[in-house]
Amino acid sequence: MTRHDRTVEQPEQFDTAQVAKTSLKVFFNICDKWGLNTDEALRLMGEPSRDTFTKWKQGGATKLTQDQLARVSITLGVYKALRLLFPTTEQAHGWINKPSTHFGGKPAREYFCIGNLTNMLDLRKYLDSVIHSN
């Protein structure tokens, strides 16, 4: 069989509604644990309309964009990094609200919740670098 005779399998199709619902459930749980308000959560998700956001909170999501999925992924990555860095849940959940010299004496929450991908990724990379330096 030559290289050209091979058939390429199609990637498995995902249930986009289920991916959206599960992703948003995780996202909103993290927001609750961190004490984020609606405006902060809206910015983290790229500022969808309030109607869309309300629908999401009520479990009515049917699809998320690649950008929105990336935002959930980054948020989950920050959450996981904090859980790895701190011995207790309370410390991990509280860190985002504590002043940090890395963020000019402000809480990471203020920097992260601006909601642009650069800031979100910067926090994720910062926490990953702290994990890997230990």
N, C-alpha and C. Protein backbone atom coordinates (compact mmCIF):
# COMPACT_ATOMS: atom_id res chain seq x y z
N MET A 1 0.85 -1.17 0.00
CA MET A 1 0.00 0.00 0.00
C MET A 1 0.90 1.24 0.00
N THR A 2 0.65 2.12 -0.92
CA THR A 2 1.44 3.34 -0.96
C THR A 2 0.84 4.38 -0.02
N ARG A 3 1.59 5.39 0.18
CA ARG A 3 1.15 6.48 1.05
C ARG A 3 -0.16 7.10 0.59
N HIS A 4 -0.37 7.13 -0.69
CA HIS A 4 -1.56 7.76 -1.25
C HIS A 4 -2.81 6.88 -1.15
N ASP A 5 -2.61 5.60 -0.86
CA ASP A 5 -3.74 4.68 -0.78
C ASP A 5 -4.44 4.72 0.59
N ARG A 6 -3.83 5.34 1.55
CA ARG A 6 -4.40 5.36 2.90
C ARG A 6 -5.58 6.32 2.96
N THR A 7 -6.56 5.90 3.69
CA THR A 7 -7.69 6.80 3.90
C THR A 7 -7.46 7.56 5.21
N VAL A 8 -7.88 8.77 5.21
CA VAL A 8 -7.73 9.61 6.39
C VAL A 8 -9.06 9.59 7.13
N GLU A 9 -8.99 9.26 8.40
CA GLU A 9 -10.21 9.24 9.20
C GLU A 9 -10.61 10.66 9.56
N GLN A 10 -11.87 10.89 9.53
CA GLN A 10 -12.40 12.19 9.93
C GLN A 10 -12.35 12.32 11.44
N PRO A 11 -12.02 13.51 11.94
CA PRO A 11 -12.03 13.67 13.39
C PRO A 11 -13.43 13.44 13.95
N GLU A 12 -13.45 12.92 15.16
CA GLU A 12 -14.73 12.66 15.82
C GLU A 12 -15.48 13.99 16.03
N GLN A 13 -16.74 13.99 15.74
CA GLN A 13 -17.54 15.19 15.92
C GLN A 13 -18.02 15.27 17.36
N PHE A 14 -17.93 16.45 17.93
CA PHE A 14 -18.36 16.66 19.30
C PHE A 14 -19.75 17.27 19.32
N ASP A 15 -20.45 17.00 20.38
CA ASP A 15 -21.75 17.63 20.62
C ASP A 15 -21.47 19.04 21.11
N THR A 16 -21.57 20.03 20.22
CA THR A 16 -21.19 21.40 20.56
C THR A 16 -22.02 21.96 21.71
N ALA A 17 -23.27 21.60 21.79
CA ALA A 17 -24.11 22.08 22.88
C ALA A 17 -23.62 21.53 24.22
N GLN A 18 -23.25 20.25 24.23
CA GLN A 18 -22.75 19.65 25.48
C GLN A 18 -21.41 20.24 25.87
N VAL A 19 -20.53 20.47 24.90
CA VAL A 19 -19.24 21.10 25.18
C VAL A 19 -19.47 22.50 25.76
N ALA A 20 -20.38 23.26 25.17
CA ALA A 20 -20.67 24.61 25.65
C ALA A 20 -21.23 24.58 27.07
N LYS A 21 -22.19 23.72 27.31
CA LYS A 21 -22.82 23.64 28.64
C LYS A 21 -21.81 23.23 29.70
N THR A 22 -21.01 22.23 29.40
CA THR A 22 -20.02 21.76 30.37
C THR A 22 -18.95 22.82 30.62
N SER A 23 -18.47 23.44 29.56
CA SER A 23 -17.45 24.48 29.69
C SER A 23 -17.96 25.64 30.54
N LEU A 24 -19.18 26.06 30.28
CA LEU A 24 -19.73 27.19 31.02
C LEU A 24 -20.04 26.83 32.47
N LYS A 25 -20.43 25.61 32.71
CA LYS A 25 -20.67 25.18 34.09
C LYS A 25 -19.37 25.29 34.89
N VAL A 26 -18.28 24.82 34.31
CA VAL A 26 -16.96 24.93 34.95
C VAL A 26 -16.60 26.40 35.14
N PHE A 27 -16.76 27.21 34.11
CA PHE A 27 -16.42 28.63 34.16
C PHE A 27 -17.19 29.33 35.28
N PHE A 28 -18.49 29.13 35.34
CA PHE A 28 -19.30 29.82 36.35
C PHE A 28 -18.99 29.32 37.76
N ASN A 29 -18.65 28.06 37.90
CA ASN A 29 -18.24 27.55 39.22
C ASN A 29 -16.96 28.23 39.68
N ILE A 30 -16.01 28.40 38.78
CA ILE A 30 -14.76 29.08 39.13
C ILE A 30 -15.05 30.54 39.49
N CYS A 31 -15.87 31.20 38.70
CA CYS A 31 -16.23 32.59 39.01
C CYS A 31 -16.83 32.71 40.41
N ASP A 32 -17.69 31.77 40.75
CA ASP A 32 -18.31 31.79 42.09
C ASP A 32 -17.26 31.58 43.17
N LYS A 33 -16.36 30.63 42.96
CA LYS A 33 -15.33 30.35 43.97
C LYS A 33 -14.41 31.55 44.17
N TRP A 34 -14.15 32.31 43.11
CA TRP A 34 -13.29 33.48 43.20
C TRP A 34 -14.05 34.74 43.61
N GLY A 35 -15.37 34.66 43.65
CA GLY A 35 -16.17 35.83 44.03
C GLY A 35 -16.26 36.89 42.96
N LEU A 36 -16.15 36.48 41.70
CA LEU A 36 -16.22 37.45 40.60
C LEU A 36 -17.65 37.94 40.42
N ASN A 37 -17.77 39.20 40.05
CA ASN A 37 -19.11 39.74 39.78
C ASN A 37 -19.46 39.54 38.30
N THR A 38 -20.66 39.85 37.95
CA THR A 38 -21.14 39.62 36.58
C THR A 38 -20.31 40.37 35.55
N ASP A 39 -19.96 41.63 35.84
CA ASP A 39 -19.17 42.40 34.87
C ASP A 39 -17.80 41.78 34.63
N GLU A 40 -17.17 41.28 35.69
CA GLU A 40 -15.88 40.63 35.54
C GLU A 40 -16.01 39.35 34.70
N ALA A 41 -17.01 38.56 35.00
CA ALA A 41 -17.24 37.32 34.24
C ALA A 41 -17.55 37.63 32.77
N LEU A 42 -18.33 38.67 32.54
CA LEU A 42 -18.63 39.08 31.16
C LEU A 42 -17.35 39.43 30.41
N ARG A 43 -16.48 40.21 31.05
CA ARG A 43 -15.23 40.59 30.39
C ARG A 43 -14.36 39.36 30.12
N LEU A 44 -14.29 38.44 31.08
CA LEU A 44 -13.49 37.23 30.87
C LEU A 44 -13.98 36.43 29.66
N MET A 45 -15.27 36.47 29.41
CA MET A 45 -15.83 35.72 28.28
C MET A 45 -15.89 36.54 26.99
N GLY A 46 -15.25 37.71 26.97
CA GLY A 46 -15.19 38.50 25.74
C GLY A 46 -16.37 39.41 25.54
N GLU A 47 -17.09 39.68 26.59
CA GLU A 47 -18.22 40.60 26.61
C GLU A 47 -19.35 40.24 25.65
N PRO A 48 -19.90 39.06 25.81
CA PRO A 48 -21.12 38.75 25.04
C PRO A 48 -22.26 39.63 25.55
N SER A 49 -23.36 39.63 24.85
CA SER A 49 -24.50 40.43 25.32
C SER A 49 -24.98 39.88 26.67
N ARG A 50 -25.61 40.73 27.43
CA ARG A 50 -26.14 40.29 28.74
C ARG A 50 -27.20 39.22 28.56
N ASP A 51 -27.98 39.31 27.50
CA ASP A 51 -29.00 38.29 27.24
C ASP A 51 -28.34 36.93 27.00
N THR A 52 -27.30 36.92 26.18
CA THR A 52 -26.57 35.68 25.91
C THR A 52 -25.96 35.14 27.20
N PHE A 53 -25.34 36.03 27.97
CA PHE A 53 -24.69 35.65 29.22
C PHE A 53 -25.71 35.05 30.20
N THR A 54 -26.87 35.67 30.30
CA THR A 54 -27.93 35.16 31.18
C THR A 54 -28.38 33.78 30.71
N LYS A 55 -28.53 33.63 29.41
CA LYS A 55 -28.92 32.33 28.84
C LYS A 55 -27.87 31.27 29.20
N TRP A 56 -26.60 31.65 29.09
CA TRP A 56 -25.53 30.72 29.45
C TRP A 56 -25.62 30.31 30.91
N LYS A 57 -25.84 31.29 31.78
CA LYS A 57 -25.90 30.99 33.22
C LYS A 57 -27.07 30.06 33.55
N GLN A 58 -28.10 30.13 32.74
CA GLN A 58 -29.28 29.29 32.95
C GLN A 58 -29.14 27.94 32.26
N GLY A 59 -27.98 27.67 31.68
CA GLY A 59 -27.73 26.38 31.04
C GLY A 59 -28.22 26.29 29.62
N GLY A 60 -28.49 27.42 28.98
CA GLY A 60 -29.05 27.41 27.64
C GLY A 60 -28.06 27.60 26.51
N ALA A 61 -26.79 27.34 26.75
CA ALA A 61 -25.79 27.52 25.69
C ALA A 61 -25.89 26.39 24.67
N THR A 62 -25.74 26.74 23.41
CA THR A 62 -25.76 25.72 22.37
C THR A 62 -24.42 25.62 21.64
N LYS A 63 -23.63 26.70 21.71
CA LYS A 63 -22.33 26.70 21.03
C LYS A 63 -21.50 27.85 21.57
N LEU A 64 -20.19 27.60 21.67
CA LEU A 64 -19.24 28.65 22.02
C LEU A 64 -18.26 28.81 20.86
N THR A 65 -17.79 30.03 20.67
CA THR A 65 -16.78 30.27 19.64
C THR A 65 -15.42 29.74 20.12
N GLN A 66 -14.47 29.65 19.21
CA GLN A 66 -13.12 29.24 19.59
C GLN A 66 -12.53 30.21 20.61
N ASP A 67 -12.79 31.50 20.43
CA ASP A 67 -12.32 32.51 21.38
C ASP A 67 -12.91 32.26 22.77
N GLN A 68 -14.19 32.00 22.84
CA GLN A 68 -14.84 31.75 24.13
C GLN A 68 -14.34 30.47 24.77
N LEU A 69 -14.13 29.43 23.99
CA LEU A 69 -13.57 28.19 24.53
C LEU A 69 -12.14 28.42 25.05
N ALA A 70 -11.37 29.24 24.35
CA ALA A 70 -10.01 29.56 24.80
C ALA A 70 -10.06 30.30 26.14
N ARG A 71 -11.02 31.19 26.29
CA ARG A 71 -11.15 31.96 27.53
C ARG A 71 -11.52 31.04 28.70
N VAL A 72 -12.39 30.09 28.46
CA VAL A 72 -12.73 29.12 29.50
C VAL A 72 -11.50 28.30 29.84
N SER A 73 -10.77 27.87 28.82
CA SER A 73 -9.57 27.06 29.02
C SER A 73 -8.52 27.80 29.84
N ILE A 74 -8.29 29.07 29.54
CA ILE A 74 -7.32 29.86 30.29
C ILE A 74 -7.77 30.00 31.74
N THR A 75 -9.04 30.28 31.94
CA THR A 75 -9.58 30.42 33.30
C THR A 75 -9.40 29.12 34.08
N LEU A 76 -9.71 28.01 33.44
CA LEU A 76 -9.52 26.70 34.08
C LEU A 76 -8.05 26.44 34.38
N GLY A 77 -7.17 26.84 33.47
CA GLY A 77 -5.74 26.67 33.69
C GLY A 77 -5.23 27.48 34.88
N VAL A 78 -5.73 28.70 35.04
CA VAL A 78 -5.37 29.53 36.20
C VAL A 78 -5.88 28.87 37.48
N TYR A 79 -7.11 28.41 37.43
CA TYR A 79 -7.69 27.74 38.60
C TYR A 79 -6.85 26.52 38.99
N LYS A 80 -6.51 25.71 38.01
CA LYS A 80 -5.71 24.50 38.29
C LYS A 80 -4.34 24.87 38.85
N ALA A 81 -3.71 25.89 38.27
CA ALA A 81 -2.39 26.31 38.75
C ALA A 81 -2.46 26.75 40.21
N LEU A 82 -3.49 27.49 40.55
CA LEU A 82 -3.63 27.93 41.94
C LEU A 82 -3.85 26.76 42.89
N ARG A 83 -4.59 25.77 42.44
CA ARG A 83 -4.82 24.57 43.27
C ARG A 83 -3.52 23.79 43.45
N LEU A 84 -2.66 23.81 42.44
CA LEU A 84 -1.37 23.14 42.56
C LEU A 84 -0.40 23.90 43.47
N LEU A 85 -0.50 25.21 43.46
CA LEU A 85 0.43 26.04 44.22
C LEU A 85 0.12 26.12 45.71
N PHE A 86 -1.15 26.03 46.07
CA PHE A 86 -1.54 26.25 47.46
C PHE A 86 -2.07 24.97 48.10
N PRO A 87 -1.74 24.78 49.38
CA PRO A 87 -2.13 23.53 50.04
C PRO A 87 -3.63 23.44 50.39
N THR A 88 -4.30 24.59 50.49
CA THR A 88 -5.73 24.53 50.83
C THR A 88 -6.57 25.21 49.76
N THR A 89 -7.79 24.76 49.67
CA THR A 89 -8.75 25.36 48.73
C THR A 89 -8.94 26.84 49.02
N GLU A 90 -9.04 27.18 50.30
CA GLU A 90 -9.26 28.58 50.69
C GLU A 90 -8.12 29.47 50.21
N GLN A 91 -6.87 29.00 50.37
CA GLN A 91 -5.73 29.78 49.90
C GLN A 91 -5.74 29.92 48.38
N ALA A 92 -6.04 28.84 47.70
CA ALA A 92 -6.07 28.87 46.23
C ALA A 92 -7.15 29.82 45.73
N HIS A 93 -8.32 29.77 46.33
CA HIS A 93 -9.42 30.63 45.89
C HIS A 93 -9.20 32.08 46.30
N GLY A 94 -8.50 32.29 47.42
CA GLY A 94 -8.29 33.63 47.92
C GLY A 94 -7.16 34.39 47.26
N TRP A 95 -6.18 33.68 46.69
CA TRP A 95 -5.00 34.33 46.14
C TRP A 95 -5.34 35.37 45.09
N ILE A 96 -6.30 35.09 44.25
CA ILE A 96 -6.62 36.00 43.15
C ILE A 96 -7.10 37.36 43.64
N ASN A 97 -7.55 37.42 44.90
CA ASN A 97 -8.05 38.67 45.47
C ASN A 97 -7.03 39.38 46.36
N LYS A 98 -5.87 38.81 46.54
CA LYS A 98 -4.83 39.39 47.41
C LYS A 98 -3.87 40.25 46.58
N PRO A 99 -3.42 41.38 47.15
CA PRO A 99 -2.43 42.20 46.44
C PRO A 99 -1.17 41.39 46.12
N SER A 100 -0.61 41.65 44.95
CA SER A 100 0.57 40.92 44.49
C SER A 100 1.60 41.90 43.96
N THR A 101 2.85 41.72 44.36
CA THR A 101 3.91 42.59 43.85
C THR A 101 4.07 42.40 42.34
N HIS A 102 3.77 41.21 41.86
CA HIS A 102 3.88 40.95 40.41
C HIS A 102 2.92 41.82 39.60
N PHE A 103 1.83 42.25 40.23
CA PHE A 103 0.82 43.06 39.54
C PHE A 103 0.77 44.47 40.11
N GLY A 104 1.94 44.98 40.51
CA GLY A 104 2.03 46.36 40.99
C GLY A 104 1.29 46.60 42.29
N GLY A 105 1.21 45.58 43.14
CA GLY A 105 0.53 45.72 44.42
C GLY A 105 -0.98 45.53 44.35
N LYS A 106 -1.48 45.27 43.16
CA LYS A 106 -2.92 45.04 42.98
C LYS A 106 -3.20 43.55 42.94
N PRO A 107 -4.43 43.17 43.23
CA PRO A 107 -4.77 41.75 43.12
C PRO A 107 -4.72 41.29 41.66
N ALA A 108 -4.35 40.04 41.46
CA ALA A 108 -4.32 39.47 40.11
C ALA A 108 -5.70 39.56 39.46
N ARG A 109 -6.73 39.51 40.28
CA ARG A 109 -8.11 39.61 39.77
C ARG A 109 -8.30 40.85 38.90
N GLU A 110 -7.77 41.99 39.34
CA GLU A 110 -7.93 43.23 38.56
C GLU A 110 -7.27 43.11 37.20
N TYR A 111 -6.11 42.51 37.17
CA TYR A 111 -5.36 42.34 35.93
C TYR A 111 -6.04 41.33 35.02
N PHE A 112 -6.40 40.19 35.58
CA PHE A 112 -7.02 39.09 34.83
C PHE A 112 -8.38 39.49 34.28
N CYS A 113 -9.17 40.15 35.11
CA CYS A 113 -10.57 40.44 34.74
C CYS A 113 -10.73 41.65 33.83
N ILE A 114 -9.61 42.22 33.38
CA ILE A 114 -9.73 43.21 32.30
C ILE A 114 -10.36 42.50 31.11
N GLY A 115 -10.00 41.22 30.99
CA GLY A 115 -10.66 40.37 30.00
C GLY A 115 -10.00 40.27 28.65
N ASN A 116 -8.87 40.95 28.45
CA ASN A 116 -8.22 40.74 27.15
C ASN A 116 -7.35 39.50 27.25
N LEU A 117 -7.22 38.81 26.14
CA LEU A 117 -6.51 37.54 26.13
C LEU A 117 -5.05 37.67 26.55
N THR A 118 -4.43 38.79 26.25
CA THR A 118 -3.03 38.98 26.64
C THR A 118 -2.89 38.94 28.15
N ASN A 119 -3.72 39.69 28.86
CA ASN A 119 -3.66 39.68 30.33
C ASN A 119 -3.99 38.31 30.89
N MET A 120 -5.00 37.68 30.32
CA MET A 120 -5.40 36.36 30.80
C MET A 120 -4.26 35.37 30.63
N LEU A 121 -3.63 35.38 29.46
CA LEU A 121 -2.51 34.46 29.21
C LEU A 121 -1.29 34.81 30.06
N ASP A 122 -1.07 36.11 30.30
CA ASP A 122 0.05 36.53 31.15
C ASP A 122 -0.08 35.93 32.55
N LEU A 123 -1.27 35.97 33.12
CA LEU A 123 -1.47 35.40 34.44
C LEU A 123 -1.24 33.90 34.41
N ARG A 124 -1.76 33.26 33.41
CA ARG A 124 -1.59 31.82 33.27
C ARG A 124 -0.10 31.46 33.18
N LYS A 125 0.64 32.19 32.35
CA LYS A 125 2.07 31.94 32.18
C LYS A 125 2.84 32.23 33.47
N TYR A 126 2.47 33.29 34.15
CA TYR A 126 3.11 33.63 35.41
C TYR A 126 2.96 32.49 36.41
N LEU A 127 1.74 32.01 36.58
CA LEU A 127 1.50 30.92 37.53
C LEU A 127 2.23 29.65 37.10
N ASP A 128 2.23 29.36 35.82
CA ASP A 128 2.96 28.18 35.33
C ASP A 128 4.46 28.31 35.62
N SER A 129 5.01 29.52 35.48
CA SER A 129 6.44 29.70 35.76
C SER A 129 6.73 29.52 37.24
N VAL A 130 5.80 29.95 38.10
CA VAL A 130 5.99 29.75 39.54
C VAL A 130 5.94 28.25 39.86
N ILE A 131 5.03 27.54 39.25
CA ILE A 131 4.92 26.08 39.47
C ILE A 131 6.23 25.40 39.06
N HIS A 132 6.75 25.76 37.91
CA HIS A 132 7.92 25.09 37.37
C HIS A 132 9.23 25.52 38.03
N SER A 133 9.19 26.63 38.77
CA SER A 133 10.41 27.08 39.48
C SER A 133 10.52 26.43 40.85
N ASN A 134 9.45 25.77 41.30
CA ASN A 134 9.48 25.10 42.61
C ASN A 134 10.03 23.70 42.52
